[in-house]
Amino acid sequence: MSFDVPTDRRYLESHEWTTTDGDTVRVGITDFAQDELGDVVFVELPDVGKDVAKETEFGVVESIKAVSDLISPLSGTVVGVNEDLFDAPELVNEDPYGEGWMLEVEPSGAEEFDDLLIADEYRDQTG
């Protein structure tokens, strides 16, 4: 099966994606991850103002099949969360790269973004 892997993002091996506008980084889970999870029924996200650290848990996504930790692709401060997911967690399944985004982070260093996988590297690891 072929999964959507947009080339305008960077990826973690644990199936989170990031995109940046230069000041903040938006984070979500990939098309592959939402497909593996099945129907998402609950998303737990950190509060705005909370610090997150690269490759540590920042939240939880729960589906009818599993509960999975969400891993932060970089270190920084949470400046926004997608509150729509609290009432409509299915947005993660319906539009993982758009309306299903999870949080926005003000990174503590730009170099961490550059260390993430590019689309082809991520696609290669998902088979």
PDB file of N, CA and C in Angstrom:
ATOM      1  N   MET A   1       0.839  -1.181   0.000  1.00  0.00           N
ATOM      2  CA  MET A   1       0.000   0.000   0.000  1.00  0.00           C
ATOM      3  C   MET A   1       0.885   1.246   0.000  1.00  0.00           C
ATOM      4  N   SER A   2       0.502   2.237  -0.720  1.00  0.00           N
ATOM      5  CA  SER A   2       1.266   3.467  -0.822  1.00  0.00           C
ATOM      6  C   SER A   2       0.659   4.541   0.081  1.00  0.00           C
ATOM      7  N   PHE A   3       1.508   5.183   0.864  1.00  0.00           N
ATOM      8  CA  PHE A   3       1.052   6.215   1.784  1.00  0.00           C
ATOM      9  C   PHE A   3       1.547   7.581   1.333  1.00  0.00           C
ATOM     10  N   ASP A   4       0.756   8.591   1.621  1.00  0.00           N
ATOM     11  CA  ASP A   4       1.108   9.957   1.291  1.00  0.00           C
ATOM     12  C   ASP A   4       2.261  10.413   2.193  1.00  0.00           C
ATOM     13  N   VAL A   5       3.359  10.909   1.568  1.00  0.00           N
ATOM     14  CA  VAL A   5       4.510  11.425   2.295  1.00  0.00           C
ATOM     15  C   VAL A   5       4.904  12.755   1.644  1.00  0.00           C
ATOM     16  N   PRO A   6       4.295  13.861   2.070  1.00  0.00           N
ATOM     17  CA  PRO A   6       4.601  15.153   1.455  1.00  0.00           C
ATOM     18  C   PRO A   6       6.084  15.511   1.576  1.00  0.00           C
ATOM     19  N   THR A   7       6.627  16.085   0.528  1.00  0.00           N
ATOM     20  CA  THR A   7       8.052  16.417   0.500  1.00  0.00           C
ATOM     21  C   THR A   7       8.372  17.737   1.188  1.00  0.00           C
ATOM     22  N   ASP A   8       7.348  18.487   1.619  1.00  0.00           N
ATOM     23  CA  ASP A   8       7.594  19.773   2.275  1.00  0.00           C
ATOM     24  C   ASP A   8       7.723  19.640   3.792  1.00  0.00           C
ATOM     25  N   ARG A   9       7.936  18.421   4.284  1.00  0.00           N
ATOM     26  CA  ARG A   9       8.015  18.156   5.717  1.00  0.00           C
ATOM     27  C   ARG A   9       9.247  17.347   6.057  1.00  0.00           C
ATOM     28  N   ARG A  10       9.523  17.281   7.342  1.00  0.00           N
ATOM     29  CA  ARG A  10      10.556  16.399   7.873  1.00  0.00           C
ATOM     30  C   ARG A  10       9.871  15.398   8.792  1.00  0.00           C
ATOM     31  N   TYR A  11      10.519  14.248   8.999  1.00  0.00           N
ATOM     32  CA  TYR A  11       9.875  13.124   9.682  1.00  0.00           C
ATOM     33  C   TYR A  11      10.766  12.505  10.752  1.00  0.00           C
ATOM     34  N   LEU A  12      10.111  11.898  11.737  1.00  0.00           N
ATOM     35  CA  LEU A  12      10.778  11.075  12.729  1.00  0.00           C
ATOM     36  C   LEU A  12      10.525   9.616  12.367  1.00  0.00           C
ATOM     37  N   GLU A  13      11.447   8.735  12.743  1.00  0.00           N
ATOM     38  CA  GLU A  13      11.241   7.305  12.493  1.00  0.00           C
ATOM     39  C   GLU A  13       9.995   6.790  13.203  1.00  0.00           C
ATOM     40  N   SER A  14       9.576   7.464  14.276  1.00  0.00           N
ATOM     41  CA  SER A  14       8.397   7.049  15.038  1.00  0.00           C
ATOM     42  C   SER A  14       7.093   7.571  14.429  1.00  0.00           C
ATOM     43  N   HIS A  15       7.163   8.110  13.203  1.00  0.00           N
ATOM     44  CA  HIS A  15       5.996   8.462  12.377  1.00  0.00           C
ATOM     45  C   HIS A  15       5.333   9.796  12.711  1.00  0.00           C
ATOM     46  N   GLU A  16       6.083  10.726  13.301  1.00  0.00           N
ATOM     47  CA  GLU A  16       5.602  12.092  13.433  1.00  0.00           C
ATOM     48  C   GLU A  16       6.166  12.924  12.285  1.00  0.00           C
ATOM     49  N   TRP A  17       5.420  13.948  11.862  1.00  0.00           N
ATOM     50  CA  TRP A  17       5.896  14.854  10.816  1.00  0.00           C
ATOM     51  C   TRP A  17       6.019  16.261  11.384  1.00  0.00           C
ATOM     52  N   THR A  18       6.839  17.065  10.725  1.00  0.00           N
ATOM     53  CA  THR A  18       6.998  18.463  11.089  1.00  0.00           C
ATOM     54  C   THR A  18       7.031  19.311   9.829  1.00  0.00           C
ATOM     55  N   THR A  19       6.558  20.523   9.962  1.00  0.00           N
ATOM     56  CA  THR A  19       6.700  21.527   8.913  1.00  0.00           C
ATOM     57  C   THR A  19       6.920  22.861   9.616  1.00  0.00           C
ATOM     58  N   THR A  20       7.633  23.773   8.975  1.00  0.00           N
ATOM     59  CA  THR A  20       7.961  25.029   9.638  1.00  0.00           C
ATOM     60  C   THR A  20       7.664  26.229   8.754  1.00  0.00           C
ATOM     61  N   ASP A  21       7.291  27.323   9.418  1.00  0.00           N
ATOM     62  CA  ASP A  21       7.132  28.592   8.714  1.00  0.00           C
ATOM     63  C   ASP A  21       8.317  29.505   9.024  1.00  0.00           C
ATOM     64  N   GLY A  22       9.329  28.953   9.690  1.00  0.00           N
ATOM     65  CA  GLY A  22      10.511  29.712  10.058  1.00  0.00           C
ATOM     66  C   GLY A  22      10.574  30.042  11.536  1.00  0.00           C
ATOM     67  N   ASP A  23       9.428  30.366  12.138  1.00  0.00           N
ATOM     68  CA  ASP A  23       9.396  30.708  13.561  1.00  0.00           C
ATOM     69  C   ASP A  23       8.889  29.560  14.420  1.00  0.00           C
ATOM     70  N   THR A  24       7.862  28.880  13.929  1.00  0.00           N
ATOM     71  CA  THR A  24       7.291  27.761  14.681  1.00  0.00           C
ATOM     72  C   THR A  24       7.306  26.503  13.810  1.00  0.00           C
ATOM     73  N   VAL A  25       7.175  25.371  14.490  1.00  0.00           N
ATOM     74  CA  VAL A  25       7.125  24.071  13.823  1.00  0.00           C
ATOM     75  C   VAL A  25       5.800  23.425  14.171  1.00  0.00           C
ATOM     76  N   ARG A  26       5.074  22.977  13.167  1.00  0.00           N
ATOM     77  CA  ARG A  26       3.810  22.270  13.358  1.00  0.00           C
ATOM     78  C   ARG A  26       4.114  20.770  13.339  1.00  0.00           C
ATOM     79  N   VAL A  27       3.445  20.026  14.214  1.00  0.00           N
ATOM     80  CA  VAL A  27       3.712  18.603  14.392  1.00  0.00           C
ATOM     81  C   VAL A  27       2.410  17.819  14.270  1.00  0.00           C
ATOM     82  N   GLY A  28       2.492  16.635  13.660  1.00  0.00           N
ATOM     83  CA  GLY A  28       1.365  15.715  13.582  1.00  0.00           C
ATOM     84  C   GLY A  28       1.889  14.309  13.377  1.00  0.00           C
ATOM     85  N   ILE A  29       0.986  13.370  13.113  1.00  0.00           N
ATOM     86  CA  ILE A  29       1.419  12.017  12.776  1.00  0.00           C
ATOM     87  C   ILE A  29       1.165  11.761  11.296  1.00  0.00           C
ATOM     88  N   THR A  30       1.922  10.835  10.747  1.00  0.00           N
ATOM     89  CA  THR A  30       1.889  10.586   9.312  1.00  0.00           C
ATOM     90  C   THR A  30       0.669   9.766   8.891  1.00  0.00           C
ATOM     91  N   ASP A  31       0.453   9.749   7.600  1.00  0.00           N
ATOM     92  CA  ASP A  31      -0.598   8.945   6.994  1.00  0.00           C
ATOM     93  C   ASP A  31      -0.394   7.471   7.354  1.00  0.00           C
ATOM     94  N   PHE A  32       0.850   7.009   7.303  1.00  0.00           N
ATOM     95  CA  PHE A  32       1.174   5.625   7.669  1.00  0.00           C
ATOM     96  C   PHE A  32       0.750   5.350   9.118  1.00  0.00           C
ATOM     97  N   ALA A  33       1.087   6.267  10.034  1.00  0.00           N
ATOM     98  CA  ALA A  33       0.783   6.072  11.452  1.00  0.00           C
ATOM     99  C   ALA A  33      -0.718   6.017  11.696  1.00  0.00           C
ATOM    100  N   GLN A  34      -1.468   6.950  11.086  1.00  0.00           N
ATOM    101  CA  GLN A  34      -2.918   6.947  11.331  1.00  0.00           C
ATOM    102  C   GLN A  34      -3.554   5.691  10.773  1.00  0.00           C
ATOM    103  N   ASP A  35      -3.020   5.167   9.655  1.00  0.00           N
ATOM    104  CA  ASP A  35      -3.543   3.942   9.071  1.00  0.00           C
ATOM    105  C   ASP A  35      -3.266   2.744   9.981  1.00  0.00           C
ATOM    106  N   GLU A  36      -2.061   2.695  10.543  1.00  0.00           N
ATOM    107  CA  GLU A  36      -1.699   1.600  11.455  1.00  0.00           C
ATOM    108  C   GLU A  36      -2.558   1.636  12.721  1.00  0.00           C
ATOM    109  N   LEU A  37      -2.871   2.836  13.210  1.00  0.00           N
ATOM    110  CA  LEU A  37      -3.661   2.977  14.424  1.00  0.00           C
ATOM    111  C   LEU A  37      -5.118   2.575  14.222  1.00  0.00           C
ATOM    112  N   GLY A  38      -5.650   2.853  13.062  1.00  0.00           N
ATOM    113  CA  GLY A  38      -7.089   2.674  12.852  1.00  0.00           C
ATOM    114  C   GLY A  38      -7.826   3.916  13.314  1.00  0.00           C
ATOM    115  N   ASP A  39      -9.108   3.779  13.605  1.00  0.00           N
ATOM    116  CA  ASP A  39      -9.943   4.931  13.942  1.00  0.00           C
ATOM    117  C   ASP A  39      -9.500   5.578  15.256  1.00  0.00           C
ATOM    118  N   VAL A  40      -9.025   6.819  15.168  1.00  0.00           N
ATOM    119  CA  VAL A  40      -8.584   7.564  16.343  1.00  0.00           C
ATOM    120  C   VAL A  40      -9.820   8.047  17.110  1.00  0.00           C
ATOM    121  N   VAL A  41      -9.834   7.768  18.430  1.00  0.00           N
ATOM    122  CA  VAL A  41     -10.983   8.131  19.252  1.00  0.00           C
ATOM    123  C   VAL A  41     -10.645   9.153  20.338  1.00  0.00           C
ATOM    124  N   PHE A  42      -9.348   9.398  20.586  1.00  0.00           N
ATOM    125  CA  PHE A  42      -8.953  10.324  21.639  1.00  0.00           C
ATOM    126  C   PHE A  42      -7.531  10.793  21.402  1.00  0.00           C
ATOM    127  N   VAL A  43      -7.289  12.086  21.658  1.00  0.00           N
ATOM    128  CA  VAL A  43      -5.940  12.653  21.559  1.00  0.00           C
ATOM    129  C   VAL A  43      -5.682  13.467  22.816  1.00  0.00           C
ATOM    130  N   GLU A  44      -4.540  13.201  23.454  1.00  0.00           N
ATOM    131  CA  GLU A  44      -4.116  13.976  24.628  1.00  0.00           C
ATOM    132  C   GLU A  44      -2.902  14.799  24.223  1.00  0.00           C
ATOM    133  N   LEU A  45      -2.993  16.119  24.405  1.00  0.00           N
ATOM    134  CA  LEU A  45      -1.923  17.025  23.996  1.00  0.00           C
ATOM    135  C   LEU A  45      -1.488  17.875  25.186  1.00  0.00           C
ATOM    136  N   PRO A  46      -0.245  18.394  25.143  1.00  0.00           N
ATOM    137  CA  PRO A  46       0.234  19.225  26.250  1.00  0.00           C
ATOM    138  C   PRO A  46      -0.413  20.609  26.245  1.00  0.00           C
ATOM    139  N   ASP A  47      -0.308  21.292  27.351  1.00  0.00           N
ATOM    140  CA  ASP A  47      -0.817  22.657  27.457  1.00  0.00           C
ATOM    141  C   ASP A  47       0.125  23.629  26.754  1.00  0.00           C
ATOM    142  N   VAL A  48      -0.442  24.706  26.233  1.00  0.00           N
ATOM    143  CA  VAL A  48       0.369  25.785  25.684  1.00  0.00           C
ATOM    144  C   VAL A  48       1.282  26.304  26.794  1.00  0.00           C
ATOM    145  N   GLY A  49       2.538  26.550  26.456  1.00  0.00           N
ATOM    146  CA  GLY A  49       3.520  27.014  27.428  1.00  0.00           C
ATOM    147  C   GLY A  49       4.406  25.909  27.971  1.00  0.00           C
ATOM    148  N   LYS A  50       4.016  24.662  27.765  1.00  0.00           N
ATOM    149  CA  LYS A  50       4.808  23.528  28.243  1.00  0.00           C
ATOM    150  C   LYS A  50       6.030  23.352  27.352  1.00  0.00           C
ATOM    151  N   ASP A  51       7.150  22.989  27.959  1.00  0.00           N
ATOM    152  CA  ASP A  51       8.348  22.676  27.197  1.00  0.00           C
ATOM    153  C   ASP A  51       8.321  21.206  26.806  1.00  0.00           C
ATOM    154  N   VAL A  52       8.769  20.931  25.570  1.00  0.00           N
ATOM    155  CA  VAL A  52       8.912  19.554  25.098  1.00  0.00           C
ATOM    156  C   VAL A  52      10.382  19.335  24.742  1.00  0.00           C
ATOM    157  N   ALA A  53      10.815  18.089  24.834  1.00  0.00           N
ATOM    158  CA  ALA A  53      12.204  17.748  24.524  1.00  0.00           C
ATOM    159  C   ALA A  53      12.245  16.762  23.368  1.00  0.00           C
ATOM    160  N   LYS A  54      13.242  16.925  22.532  1.00  0.00           N
ATOM    161  CA  LYS A  54      13.398  16.067  21.362  1.00  0.00           C
ATOM    162  C   LYS A  54      13.391  14.592  21.769  1.00  0.00           C
ATOM    163  N   GLU A  55      12.608  13.806  21.020  1.00  0.00           N
ATOM    164  CA  GLU A  55      12.505  12.353  21.159  1.00  0.00           C
ATOM    165  C   GLU A  55      11.981  11.914  22.523  1.00  0.00           C
ATOM    166  N   THR A  56      11.137  12.767  23.139  1.00  0.00           N
ATOM    167  CA  THR A  56      10.430  12.373  24.352  1.00  0.00           C
ATOM    168  C   THR A  56       8.932  12.517  24.109  1.00  0.00           C
ATOM    169  N   GLU A  57       8.137  11.867  24.946  1.00  0.00           N
ATOM    170  CA  GLU A  57       6.683  11.873  24.771  1.00  0.00           C
ATOM    171  C   GLU A  57       6.099  13.260  25.028  1.00  0.00           C
ATOM    172  N   PHE A  58       5.197  13.691  24.136  1.00  0.00           N
ATOM    173  CA  PHE A  58       4.479  14.943  24.372  1.00  0.00           C
ATOM    174  C   PHE A  58       2.978  14.738  24.517  1.00  0.00           C
ATOM    175  N   GLY A  59       2.499  13.541  24.228  1.00  0.00           N
ATOM    176  CA  GLY A  59       1.071  13.273  24.320  1.00  0.00           C
ATOM    177  C   GLY A  59       0.770  11.834  23.962  1.00  0.00           C
ATOM    178  N   VAL A  60      -0.531  11.571  23.803  1.00  0.00           N
ATOM    179  CA  VAL A  60      -1.003  10.220  23.530  1.00  0.00           C
ATOM    180  C   VAL A  60      -2.103  10.288  22.484  1.00  0.00           C
ATOM    181  N   VAL A  61      -2.108   9.299  21.589  1.00  0.00           N
ATOM    182  CA  VAL A  61      -3.214   9.133  20.652  1.00  0.00           C
ATOM    183  C   VAL A  61      -3.791   7.737  20.883  1.00  0.00           C
ATOM    184  N   GLU A  62      -5.110   7.689  21.010  1.00  0.00           N
ATOM    185  CA  GLU A  62      -5.788   6.434  21.300  1.00  0.00           C
ATOM    186  C   GLU A  62      -6.723   6.102  20.144  1.00  0.00           C
ATOM    187  N   SER A  63      -6.653   4.844  19.704  1.00  0.00           N
ATOM    188  CA  SER A  63      -7.547   4.381  18.646  1.00  0.00           C
ATOM    189  C   SER A  63      -8.330   3.188  19.162  1.00  0.00           C
ATOM    190  N   ILE A  64      -9.189   2.673  18.298  1.00  0.00           N
ATOM    191  CA  ILE A  64      -9.952   1.488  18.702  1.00  0.00           C
ATOM    192  C   ILE A  64      -9.038   0.265  18.844  1.00  0.00           C
ATOM    193  N   LYS A  65      -7.810   0.349  18.263  1.00  0.00           N
ATOM    194  CA  LYS A  65      -6.881  -0.778  18.296  1.00  0.00           C
ATOM    195  C   LYS A  65      -5.755  -0.633  19.302  1.00  0.00           C
ATOM    196  N   ALA A  66      -5.332   0.613  19.612  1.00  0.00           N
ATOM    197  CA  ALA A  66      -4.116   0.788  20.405  1.00  0.00           C
ATOM    198  C   ALA A  66      -4.050   2.176  21.028  1.00  0.00           C
ATOM    199  N   VAL A  67      -3.157   2.300  22.006  1.00  0.00           N
ATOM    200  CA  VAL A  67      -2.791   3.587  22.577  1.00  0.00           C
ATOM    201  C   VAL A  67      -1.316   3.792  22.259  1.00  0.00           C
ATOM    202  N   SER A  68      -0.975   4.926  21.671  1.00  0.00           N
ATOM    203  CA  SER A  68       0.405   5.179  21.274  1.00  0.00           C
ATOM    204  C   SER A  68       0.885   6.518  21.806  1.00  0.00           C
ATOM    205  N   ASP A  69       2.142   6.531  22.250  1.00  0.00           N
ATOM    206  CA  ASP A  69       2.767   7.777  22.660  1.00  0.00           C
ATOM    207  C   ASP A  69       3.068   8.616  21.428  1.00  0.00           C
ATOM    208  N   LEU A  70       2.976   9.926  21.595  1.00  0.00           N
ATOM    209  CA  LEU A  70       3.381  10.871  20.564  1.00  0.00           C
ATOM    210  C   LEU A  70       4.761  11.389  20.951  1.00  0.00           C
ATOM    211  N   ILE A  71       5.703  11.363  20.027  1.00  0.00           N
ATOM    212  CA  ILE A  71       7.093  11.719  20.304  1.00  0.00           C
ATOM    213  C   ILE A  71       7.422  13.063  19.662  1.00  0.00           C
ATOM    214  N   SER A  72       8.045  13.940  20.431  1.00  0.00           N
ATOM    215  CA  SER A  72       8.397  15.265  19.931  1.00  0.00           C
ATOM    216  C   SER A  72       9.612  15.179  19.009  1.00  0.00           C
ATOM    217  N   PRO A  73       9.513  15.742  17.805  1.00  0.00           N
ATOM    218  CA  PRO A  73      10.635  15.715  16.877  1.00  0.00           C
ATOM    219  C   PRO A  73      11.745  16.689  17.248  1.00  0.00           C
ATOM    220  N   LEU A  74      11.444  17.640  18.144  1.00  0.00           N
ATOM    221  CA  LEU A  74      12.460  18.618  18.526  1.00  0.00           C
ATOM    222  C   LEU A  74      12.131  19.215  19.873  1.00  0.00           C
ATOM    223  N   SER A  75      13.088  19.959  20.417  1.00  0.00           N
ATOM    224  CA  SER A  75      12.909  20.608  21.717  1.00  0.00           C
ATOM    225  C   SER A  75      12.392  22.021  21.522  1.00  0.00           C
ATOM    226  N   GLY A  76      11.577  22.471  22.472  1.00  0.00           N
ATOM    227  CA  GLY A  76      11.064  23.831  22.406  1.00  0.00           C
ATOM    228  C   GLY A  76       9.869  24.014  23.324  1.00  0.00           C
ATOM    229  N   THR A  77       9.137  25.096  23.077  1.00  0.00           N
ATOM    230  CA  THR A  77       7.971  25.450  23.887  1.00  0.00           C
ATOM    231  C   THR A  77       6.707  25.346  23.040  1.00  0.00           C
ATOM    232  N   VAL A  78       5.688  24.696  23.578  1.00  0.00           N
ATOM    233  CA  VAL A  78       4.409  24.570  22.886  1.00  0.00           C
ATOM    234  C   VAL A  78       3.745  25.947  22.833  1.00  0.00           C
ATOM    235  N   VAL A  79       3.445  26.411  21.612  1.00  0.00           N
ATOM    236  CA  VAL A  79       2.790  27.713  21.443  1.00  0.00           C
ATOM    237  C   VAL A  79       1.372  27.579  20.897  1.00  0.00           C
ATOM    238  N   GLY A  80       0.976  26.348  20.539  1.00  0.00           N
ATOM    239  CA  GLY A  80      -0.382  26.112  20.054  1.00  0.00           C
ATOM    240  C   GLY A  80      -0.699  24.642  20.030  1.00  0.00           C
ATOM    241  N   VAL A  81      -1.959  24.301  20.298  1.00  0.00           N
ATOM    242  CA  VAL A  81      -2.440  22.928  20.156  1.00  0.00           C
ATOM    243  C   VAL A  81      -3.714  22.959  19.324  1.00  0.00           C
ATOM    244  N   ASN A  82      -3.969  21.893  18.615  1.00  0.00           N
ATOM    245  CA  ASN A  82      -5.155  21.796  17.779  1.00  0.00           C
ATOM    246  C   ASN A  82      -6.332  21.347  18.645  1.00  0.00           C
ATOM    247  N   GLU A  83      -7.042  22.328  19.208  1.00  0.00           N
ATOM    248  CA  GLU A  83      -8.153  22.019  20.107  1.00  0.00           C
ATOM    249  C   GLU A  83      -9.315  21.345  19.391  1.00  0.00           C
ATOM    250  N   ASP A  84      -9.372  21.432  18.061  1.00  0.00           N
ATOM    251  CA  ASP A  84     -10.415  20.738  17.304  1.00  0.00           C
ATOM    252  C   ASP A  84     -10.358  19.230  17.523  1.00  0.00           C
ATOM    253  N   LEU A  85      -9.158  18.707  17.823  1.00  0.00           N
ATOM    254  CA  LEU A  85      -9.009  17.259  17.995  1.00  0.00           C
ATOM    255  C   LEU A  85      -9.694  16.744  19.252  1.00  0.00           C
ATOM    256  N   PHE A  86      -9.923  17.622  20.231  1.00  0.00           N
ATOM    257  CA  PHE A  86     -10.578  17.182  21.458  1.00  0.00           C
ATOM    258  C   PHE A  86     -12.022  16.771  21.194  1.00  0.00           C
ATOM    259  N   ASP A  87     -12.694  17.470  20.287  1.00  0.00           N
ATOM    260  CA  ASP A  87     -14.073  17.148  19.932  1.00  0.00           C
ATOM    261  C   ASP A  87     -14.179  16.287  18.681  1.00  0.00           C
ATOM    262  N   ALA A  88     -13.137  16.308  17.849  1.00  0.00           N
ATOM    263  CA  ALA A  88     -13.172  15.572  16.579  1.00  0.00           C
ATOM    264  C   ALA A  88     -11.829  14.883  16.326  1.00  0.00           C
ATOM    265  N   PRO A  89     -11.482  13.873  17.153  1.00  0.00           N
ATOM    266  CA  PRO A  89     -10.193  13.192  16.978  1.00  0.00           C
ATOM    267  C   PRO A  89     -10.063  12.496  15.629  1.00  0.00           C
ATOM    268  N   GLU A  90     -11.199  12.243  14.966  1.00  0.00           N
ATOM    269  CA  GLU A  90     -11.165  11.576  13.660  1.00  0.00           C
ATOM    270  C   GLU A  90     -10.461  12.421  12.591  1.00  0.00           C
ATOM    271  N   LEU A  91     -10.243  13.712  12.862  1.00  0.00           N
ATOM    272  CA  LEU A  91      -9.500  14.556  11.913  1.00  0.00           C
ATOM    273  C   LEU A  91      -8.096  14.009  11.669  1.00  0.00           C
ATOM    274  N   VAL A  92      -7.543  13.313  12.659  1.00  0.00           N
ATOM    275  CA  VAL A  92      -6.224  12.695  12.492  1.00  0.00           C
ATOM    276  C   VAL A  92      -6.264  11.670  11.362  1.00  0.00           C
ATOM    277  N   ASN A  93      -7.354  10.912  11.270  1.00  0.00           N
ATOM    278  CA  ASN A  93      -7.506   9.927  10.196  1.00  0.00           C
ATOM    279  C   ASN A  93      -7.863  10.579   8.872  1.00  0.00           C
ATOM    280  N   GLU A  94      -8.740  11.555   8.931  1.00  0.00           N
ATOM    281  CA  GLU A  94      -9.275  12.147   7.701  1.00  0.00           C
ATOM    282  C   GLU A  94      -8.272  13.044   6.986  1.00  0.00           C
ATOM    283  N   ASP A  95      -7.421  13.750   7.741  1.00  0.00           N
ATOM    284  CA  ASP A  95      -6.516  14.731   7.138  1.00  0.00           C
ATOM    285  C   ASP A  95      -5.261  14.875   8.001  1.00  0.00           C
ATOM    286  N   PRO A  96      -4.417  13.816   8.063  1.00  0.00           N
ATOM    287  CA  PRO A  96      -3.285  13.835   8.995  1.00  0.00           C
ATOM    288  C   PRO A  96      -2.284  14.962   8.739  1.00  0.00           C
ATOM    289  N   TYR A  97      -2.183  15.448   7.513  1.00  0.00           N
ATOM    290  CA  TYR A  97      -1.209  16.503   7.200  1.00  0.00           C
ATOM    291  C   TYR A  97      -1.837  17.901   7.170  1.00  0.00           C
ATOM    292  N   GLY A  98      -3.134  17.984   7.422  1.00  0.00           N
ATOM    293  CA  GLY A  98      -3.818  19.271   7.382  1.00  0.00           C
ATOM    294  C   GLY A  98      -4.552  19.518   8.679  1.00  0.00           C
ATOM    295  N   GLU A  99      -5.889  19.323   8.644  1.00  0.00           N
ATOM    296  CA  GLU A  99      -6.730  19.603   9.811  1.00  0.00           C
ATOM    297  C   GLU A  99      -6.419  18.711  11.014  1.00  0.00           C
ATOM    298  N   GLY A 100      -5.693  17.625  10.794  1.00  0.00           N
ATOM    299  CA  GLY A 100      -5.356  16.706  11.884  1.00  0.00           C
ATOM    300  C   GLY A 100      -4.031  16.993  12.567  1.00  0.00           C
ATOM    301  N   TRP A 101      -3.436  18.176  12.301  1.00  0.00           N
ATOM    302  CA  TRP A 101      -2.180  18.537  13.001  1.00  0.00           C
ATOM    303  C   TRP A 101      -2.404  18.528  14.503  1.00  0.00           C
ATOM    304  N   MET A 102      -1.321  18.444  15.282  1.00  0.00           N
ATOM    305  CA  MET A 102      -1.473  18.300  16.731  1.00  0.00           C
ATOM    306  C   MET A 102      -0.972  19.483  17.538  1.00  0.00           C
ATOM    307  N   LEU A 103       0.253  19.926  17.307  1.00  0.00           N
ATOM    308  CA  LEU A 103       0.741  21.051  18.073  1.00  0.00           C
ATOM    309  C   LEU A 103       1.719  21.900  17.292  1.00  0.00           C
ATOM    310  N   GLU A 104       1.932  23.105  17.806  1.00  0.00           N
ATOM    311  CA  GLU A 104       2.920  24.017  17.252  1.00  0.00           C
ATOM    312  C   GLU A 104       3.933  24.324  18.343  1.00  0.00           C
ATOM    313  N   VAL A 105       5.197  24.270  17.944  1.00  0.00           N
ATOM    314  CA  VAL A 105       6.290  24.435  18.889  1.00  0.00           C
ATOM    315  C   VAL A 105       7.199  25.560  18.409  1.00  0.00           C
ATOM    316  N   GLU A 106       7.629  26.380  19.352  1.00  0.00           N
ATOM    317  CA  GLU A 106       8.684  27.341  19.070  1.00  0.00           C
ATOM    318  C   GLU A 106       9.986  26.633  19.435  1.00  0.00           C
ATOM    319  N   PRO A 107      10.770  26.243  18.410  1.00  0.00           N
ATOM    320  CA  PRO A 107      11.942  25.415  18.681  1.00  0.00           C
ATOM    321  C   PRO A 107      13.034  26.180  19.422  1.00  0.00           C
ATOM    322  N   SER A 108      13.785  25.435  20.235  1.00  0.00           N
ATOM    323  CA  SER A 108      14.895  26.049  20.956  1.00  0.00           C
ATOM    324  C   SER A 108      16.150  26.096  20.093  1.00  0.00           C
ATOM    325  N   GLY A 109      16.164  25.355  18.957  1.00  0.00           N
ATOM    326  CA  GLY A 109      17.299  25.388  18.047  1.00  0.00           C
ATOM    327  C   GLY A 109      16.922  24.866  16.678  1.00  0.00           C
ATOM    328  N   ALA A 110      17.288  25.598  15.632  1.00  0.00           N
ATOM    329  CA  ALA A 110      16.906  25.216  14.264  1.00  0.00           C
ATOM    330  C   ALA A 110      17.616  23.952  13.791  1.00  0.00           C
ATOM    331  N   GLU A 111      18.771  23.640  14.357  1.00  0.00           N
ATOM    332  CA  GLU A 111      19.543  22.494  13.882  1.00  0.00           C
ATOM    333  C   GLU A 111      18.804  21.177  14.070  1.00  0.00           C
ATOM    334  N   GLU A 112      17.935  21.073  15.083  1.00  0.00           N
ATOM    335  CA  GLU A 112      17.193  19.827  15.291  1.00  0.00           C
ATOM    336  C   GLU A 112      16.253  19.542  14.124  1.00  0.00           C
ATOM    337  N   PHE A 113      15.649  20.564  13.562  1.00  0.00           N
ATOM    338  CA  PHE A 113      14.765  20.382  12.410  1.00  0.00           C
ATOM    339  C   PHE A 113      15.556  19.798  11.242  1.00  0.00           C
ATOM    340  N   ASP A 114      16.752  20.296  11.027  1.00  0.00           N
ATOM    341  CA  ASP A 114      17.588  19.843   9.912  1.00  0.00           C
ATOM    342  C   ASP A 114      18.038  18.391  10.069  1.00  0.00           C
ATOM    343  N   ASP A 115      18.033  17.882  11.297  1.00  0.00           N
ATOM    344  CA  ASP A 115      18.461  16.502  11.552  1.00  0.00           C
ATOM    345  C   ASP A 115      17.378  15.471  11.261  1.00  0.00           C
ATOM    346  N   LEU A 116      16.142  15.918  11.053  1.00  0.00           N
ATOM    347  CA  LEU A 116      15.032  14.986  10.826  1.00  0.00           C
ATOM    348  C   LEU A 116      15.092  14.391   9.420  1.00  0.00           C
ATOM    349  N   LEU A 117      14.383  13.291   9.221  1.00  0.00           N
ATOM    350  CA  LEU A 117      14.363  12.607   7.932  1.00  0.00           C
ATOM    351  C   LEU A 117      13.642  13.435   6.876  1.00  0.00           C
ATOM    352  N   ILE A 118      14.173  13.413   5.651  1.00  0.00           N
ATOM    353  CA  ILE A 118      13.436  13.991   4.532  1.00  0.00           C
ATOM    354  C   ILE A 118      12.444  12.943   4.035  1.00  0.00           C
ATOM    355  N   ALA A 119      11.522  13.334   3.170  1.00  0.00           N
ATOM    356  CA  ALA A 119      10.433  12.449   2.726  1.00  0.00           C
ATOM    357  C   ALA A 119      10.941  11.116   2.175  1.00  0.00           C
ATOM    358  N   ASP A 120      11.953  11.139   1.310  1.00  0.00           N
ATOM    359  CA  ASP A 120      12.453   9.885   0.726  1.00  0.00           C
ATOM    360  C   ASP A 120      13.031   8.957   1.784  1.00  0.00           C
ATOM    361  N   GLU A 121      13.738   9.518   2.776  1.00  0.00           N
ATOM    362  CA  GLU A 121      14.307   8.691   3.845  1.00  0.00           C
ATOM    363  C   GLU A 121      13.189   8.063   4.670  1.00  0.00           C
ATOM    364  N   TYR A 122      12.156   8.841   4.979  1.00  0.00           N
ATOM    365  CA  TYR A 122      11.028   8.307   5.739  1.00  0.00           C
ATOM    366  C   TYR A 122      10.292   7.239   4.940  1.00  0.00           C
ATOM    367  N   ARG A 123      10.042   7.512   3.657  1.00  0.00           N
ATOM    368  CA  ARG A 123       9.336   6.567   2.795  1.00  0.00           C
ATOM    369  C   ARG A 123      10.101   5.239   2.726  1.00  0.00           C
ATOM    370  N   ASP A 124      11.414   5.303   2.625  1.00  0.00           N
ATOM    371  CA  ASP A 124      12.238   4.089   2.570  1.00  0.00           C
ATOM    372  C   ASP A 124      12.063   3.233   3.809  1.00  0.00           C
ATOM    373  N   GLN A 125      11.917   3.838   4.967  1.00  0.00           N
ATOM    374  CA  GLN A 125      11.815   3.047   6.204  1.00  0.00           C
ATOM    375  C   GLN A 125      10.432   2.446   6.411  1.00  0.00           C
ATOM    376  N   THR A 126       9.402   3.007   5.756  1.00  0.00           N
ATOM    377  CA  THR A 126       8.062   2.453   5.937  1.00  0.00           C
ATOM    378  C   THR A 126       7.740   1.372   4.901  1.00  0.00           C
ATOM    379  N   GLY A 127       8.673   1.178   3.972  1.00  0.00           N
ATOM    380  CA  GLY A 127       8.525   0.100   2.997  1.00  0.00           C
ATOM    381  C   GLY A 127       7.593   0.461   1.907  1.00  0.00           C
TER     382      GLY A 127
END
